[in-house]
N, C-alpha and C. Protein backbone atom coordinates (compact mmCIF):
# COMPACT_ATOMS: atom_id res chain seq x y z
N MET A 1 0.83 -1.17 -0.01
CA MET A 1 0.01 0.04 -0.05
C MET A 1 0.89 1.27 -0.07
N SER A 2 0.51 2.20 -0.86
CA SER A 2 1.36 3.36 -0.95
C SER A 2 1.15 4.36 0.12
N ASP A 3 2.13 5.27 0.37
CA ASP A 3 1.94 6.31 1.50
C ASP A 3 0.75 7.26 1.00
N ARG A 4 0.46 7.34 -0.23
CA ARG A 4 -0.69 8.20 -0.70
C ARG A 4 -1.95 7.49 -0.26
N THR A 5 -1.98 6.24 -0.38
CA THR A 5 -3.19 5.52 0.15
C THR A 5 -3.32 5.52 1.59
N HIS A 6 -2.21 5.57 2.38
CA HIS A 6 -2.30 5.65 3.89
C HIS A 6 -2.78 7.05 4.31
N LYS A 7 -2.37 7.98 3.50
CA LYS A 7 -2.85 9.33 3.80
C LYS A 7 -4.36 9.52 3.59
N LEU A 8 -4.82 8.87 2.54
CA LEU A 8 -6.25 8.92 2.20
C LEU A 8 -7.05 8.15 3.30
N ILE A 9 -6.58 7.10 3.67
CA ILE A 9 -7.24 6.25 4.84
C ILE A 9 -7.35 7.24 6.06
N LEU A 10 -6.16 7.79 6.38
CA LEU A 10 -6.17 8.63 7.63
C LEU A 10 -7.06 9.85 7.45
N LEU A 11 -7.13 10.37 6.29
CA LEU A 11 -8.13 11.48 6.10
C LEU A 11 -9.50 11.07 6.18
N ASP A 12 -9.84 9.89 5.72
CA ASP A 12 -11.15 9.30 6.00
C ASP A 12 -11.42 9.10 7.50
N MET A 13 -10.33 8.65 8.22
CA MET A 13 -10.52 8.46 9.71
C MET A 13 -10.80 9.80 10.38
N LEU A 14 -10.02 10.83 9.99
CA LEU A 14 -10.19 12.14 10.64
C LEU A 14 -11.58 12.77 10.31
N ASP A 15 -12.05 12.60 9.09
CA ASP A 15 -13.42 13.07 8.63
C ASP A 15 -14.39 12.32 9.61
N ALA A 16 -14.31 11.08 9.74
CA ALA A 16 -15.30 10.34 10.69
C ALA A 16 -15.23 10.95 12.06
N ILE A 17 -14.05 11.16 12.55
CA ILE A 17 -13.91 11.67 13.82
C ILE A 17 -14.52 13.01 14.03
N ASP A 18 -14.27 13.91 13.05
CA ASP A 18 -14.86 15.18 12.97
C ASP A 18 -16.50 15.02 13.04
N GLY A 19 -16.93 14.05 12.31
CA GLY A 19 -18.35 13.83 12.34
C GLY A 19 -18.92 13.43 13.62
N ILE A 20 -18.16 12.48 14.37
CA ILE A 20 -18.55 12.09 15.74
C ILE A 20 -18.55 13.39 16.66
N GLU A 21 -17.46 14.17 16.67
CA GLU A 21 -17.38 15.27 17.53
C GLU A 21 -18.57 16.32 17.17
N SER A 22 -18.99 16.43 15.98
CA SER A 22 -20.15 17.26 15.68
C SER A 22 -21.49 16.75 16.20
N PHE A 23 -21.64 15.58 16.15
CA PHE A 23 -22.81 14.92 16.64
C PHE A 23 -23.02 14.96 18.08
N VAL A 24 -21.86 14.86 18.88
CA VAL A 24 -22.03 14.91 20.29
C VAL A 24 -21.61 16.16 20.99
N ALA A 25 -21.32 17.24 20.24
CA ALA A 25 -20.99 18.46 20.75
C ALA A 25 -22.07 19.03 21.55
N GLY A 26 -21.77 19.27 22.94
CA GLY A 26 -22.67 19.89 23.87
C GLY A 26 -23.62 18.99 24.56
N MET A 27 -23.45 17.60 24.22
CA MET A 27 -24.26 16.53 24.81
C MET A 27 -23.68 15.94 26.03
N SER A 28 -24.51 15.70 27.05
CA SER A 28 -24.05 14.87 28.14
C SER A 28 -24.16 13.40 27.78
N ARG A 29 -23.63 12.61 28.71
CA ARG A 29 -23.90 11.13 28.53
C ARG A 29 -25.29 10.82 28.62
N GLN A 30 -26.08 11.44 29.40
CA GLN A 30 -27.51 11.17 29.46
C GLN A 30 -28.12 11.59 28.14
N ASP A 31 -27.80 12.72 27.69
CA ASP A 31 -28.33 13.12 26.34
C ASP A 31 -28.15 12.19 25.26
N TYR A 32 -26.93 11.74 25.15
CA TYR A 32 -26.51 10.84 24.20
C TYR A 32 -27.27 9.61 24.31
N PHE A 33 -27.46 8.98 25.49
CA PHE A 33 -28.10 7.75 25.60
C PHE A 33 -29.74 7.87 25.39
N ALA A 34 -30.17 8.86 25.45
CA ALA A 34 -31.64 9.45 25.17
C ALA A 34 -31.86 9.59 23.65
N ASP A 35 -30.76 9.65 22.86
CA ASP A 35 -30.96 9.98 21.51
C ASP A 35 -30.48 8.84 20.64
N ALA A 36 -31.44 8.06 20.17
CA ALA A 36 -30.96 6.84 19.36
C ALA A 36 -30.48 7.22 18.01
N LYS A 37 -30.90 8.34 17.44
CA LYS A 37 -30.49 8.73 16.16
C LYS A 37 -28.85 9.04 16.29
N THR A 38 -28.53 9.90 17.33
CA THR A 38 -27.12 10.23 17.50
C THR A 38 -26.35 9.02 17.73
N GLN A 39 -26.89 8.18 18.47
CA GLN A 39 -25.98 6.86 18.83
C GLN A 39 -25.84 6.05 17.49
N ALA A 40 -26.79 6.06 16.58
CA ALA A 40 -26.66 5.33 15.33
C ALA A 40 -25.64 6.02 14.45
N ASP A 41 -25.66 7.42 14.47
CA ASP A 41 -24.74 8.06 13.74
C ASP A 41 -23.32 8.01 14.12
N VAL A 42 -23.08 7.95 15.47
CA VAL A 42 -21.80 7.82 16.08
C VAL A 42 -21.22 6.41 15.74
N GLU A 43 -22.13 5.34 15.88
CA GLU A 43 -21.73 3.90 15.68
C GLU A 43 -21.32 3.81 14.25
N TYR A 44 -21.90 4.47 13.33
CA TYR A 44 -21.58 4.33 11.98
C TYR A 44 -20.12 4.91 11.71
N TYR A 45 -20.09 6.10 12.21
CA TYR A 45 -18.64 6.64 12.04
C TYR A 45 -17.53 5.97 12.73
N LEU A 46 -17.83 5.34 13.90
CA LEU A 46 -16.87 4.47 14.49
C LEU A 46 -16.55 3.21 13.76
N GLU A 47 -17.48 2.63 13.10
CA GLU A 47 -17.31 1.56 12.18
C GLU A 47 -16.24 1.94 11.05
N ILE A 48 -16.54 3.24 10.48
CA ILE A 48 -15.64 3.60 9.57
C ILE A 48 -14.15 3.81 10.09
N VAL A 49 -13.98 4.36 11.14
CA VAL A 49 -12.62 4.48 11.87
C VAL A 49 -12.09 3.03 12.04
N GLY A 50 -12.82 2.09 12.58
CA GLY A 50 -12.36 0.83 12.85
C GLY A 50 -11.94 0.04 11.58
N GLU A 51 -12.82 0.20 10.50
CA GLU A 51 -12.49 -0.48 9.35
C GLU A 51 -11.28 0.06 8.60
N ALA A 52 -11.21 1.40 8.73
CA ALA A 52 -10.07 2.08 8.15
C ALA A 52 -8.69 1.67 8.69
N ALA A 53 -8.75 1.64 10.08
CA ALA A 53 -7.61 1.13 10.74
C ALA A 53 -7.14 -0.27 10.56
N ASN A 54 -8.15 -1.07 10.24
CA ASN A 54 -7.85 -2.46 9.92
C ASN A 54 -7.16 -2.63 8.51
N LEU A 55 -7.18 -1.51 7.60
CA LEU A 55 -6.58 -1.57 6.32
C LEU A 55 -5.07 -1.38 6.35
N PHE A 56 -4.53 -1.02 7.51
CA PHE A 56 -3.12 -0.72 7.55
C PHE A 56 -2.47 -2.09 7.92
N PRO A 57 -1.48 -2.41 7.05
CA PRO A 57 -0.82 -3.72 7.20
C PRO A 57 0.25 -3.57 8.43
N GLU A 58 0.78 -4.60 8.87
CA GLU A 58 1.68 -4.74 10.12
C GLU A 58 2.89 -3.87 9.56
N SER A 59 3.37 -3.98 8.45
CA SER A 59 4.46 -3.21 7.90
C SER A 59 4.38 -1.70 8.08
N PHE A 60 3.20 -1.12 8.07
CA PHE A 60 2.86 0.25 8.23
C PHE A 60 3.29 0.55 9.64
N TYR A 61 2.95 -0.14 10.58
CA TYR A 61 3.20 0.09 12.04
C TYR A 61 4.82 -0.10 12.29
N LEU A 62 5.30 -0.97 11.58
CA LEU A 62 6.81 -1.34 11.83
C LEU A 62 7.60 -0.11 11.22
N ARG A 63 7.11 0.40 10.11
CA ARG A 63 7.79 1.45 9.44
C ARG A 63 7.85 2.70 10.28
N TYR A 64 6.81 3.00 11.05
CA TYR A 64 6.76 4.02 11.98
C TYR A 64 6.80 3.68 13.47
N ASP A 65 7.92 2.91 13.75
CA ASP A 65 8.02 2.28 15.01
C ASP A 65 8.41 3.32 16.12
N HIS A 66 8.58 4.49 15.75
CA HIS A 66 8.85 5.63 16.76
C HIS A 66 7.58 6.11 17.45
N ILE A 67 6.48 5.64 16.80
CA ILE A 67 5.11 6.05 17.30
C ILE A 67 4.75 4.93 18.29
N LYS A 68 4.29 5.24 19.42
CA LYS A 68 3.77 4.26 20.38
C LYS A 68 2.21 4.05 19.96
N TRP A 69 2.08 2.90 19.17
CA TRP A 69 0.77 2.52 18.65
C TRP A 69 -0.01 1.96 19.76
N HIS A 70 -1.23 2.35 19.77
CA HIS A 70 -2.25 1.65 20.77
C HIS A 70 -3.21 0.74 19.85
N ARG A 71 -3.32 -0.38 20.30
CA ARG A 71 -4.24 -1.31 19.64
C ARG A 71 -5.19 -1.81 20.61
N PRO A 72 -6.23 -1.20 20.71
CA PRO A 72 -7.22 -1.57 21.74
C PRO A 72 -7.92 -2.84 21.57
N THR A 73 -8.19 -3.56 22.50
CA THR A 73 -8.92 -4.94 22.43
C THR A 73 -10.30 -4.86 22.47
N ARG A 74 -10.78 -3.62 22.93
CA ARG A 74 -12.26 -3.42 22.97
C ARG A 74 -12.74 -2.86 21.55
N SER A 75 -14.15 -2.92 21.44
CA SER A 75 -14.58 -2.37 20.23
C SER A 75 -14.57 -0.88 20.21
N ALA A 76 -14.53 -0.25 19.05
CA ALA A 76 -14.44 1.28 18.94
C ALA A 76 -15.64 1.81 19.72
N THR A 77 -16.79 1.24 19.54
CA THR A 77 -17.98 1.69 20.32
C THR A 77 -17.80 1.73 21.86
N GLY A 78 -17.08 0.60 22.43
CA GLY A 78 -16.92 0.56 23.73
C GLY A 78 -15.91 1.58 24.26
N LEU A 79 -14.97 1.84 23.46
CA LEU A 79 -13.89 2.89 23.72
C LEU A 79 -14.68 4.25 23.75
N PHE A 80 -15.47 4.58 22.86
CA PHE A 80 -16.22 5.87 22.82
C PHE A 80 -17.03 5.99 24.19
N MET A 81 -17.66 5.13 24.64
CA MET A 81 -18.39 5.15 25.98
C MET A 81 -17.63 5.50 27.08
N LEU A 82 -16.22 5.21 27.00
CA LEU A 82 -15.33 5.57 28.07
C LEU A 82 -14.95 7.04 28.05
N ILE A 83 -15.14 7.74 26.90
CA ILE A 83 -14.67 9.09 26.84
C ILE A 83 -15.88 10.07 26.83
N LEU A 84 -16.98 9.47 26.73
CA LEU A 84 -18.20 10.43 26.72
C LEU A 84 -18.39 10.97 28.13
N PRO A 85 -18.50 12.34 28.18
CA PRO A 85 -18.80 12.96 29.63
C PRO A 85 -19.96 12.54 30.29
């Protein structure tokens, strides 16, 4: 996979994260759980982030070994619940 492809995947991930931030801006945890549409939107974008992250081969991580990569074992949705205020 080329560096250009990696950059495009990272841009897709950043776009999805921006979308998540816009959906939950100003929401409390209680607001979020009361809004099924927002939950569905956030879960959709988390799937995009997760699927994009899975596109990177091991060689990508090894090439940039100066970065401390975090490879969570939980689902992206579960991780989001940990950071929601």
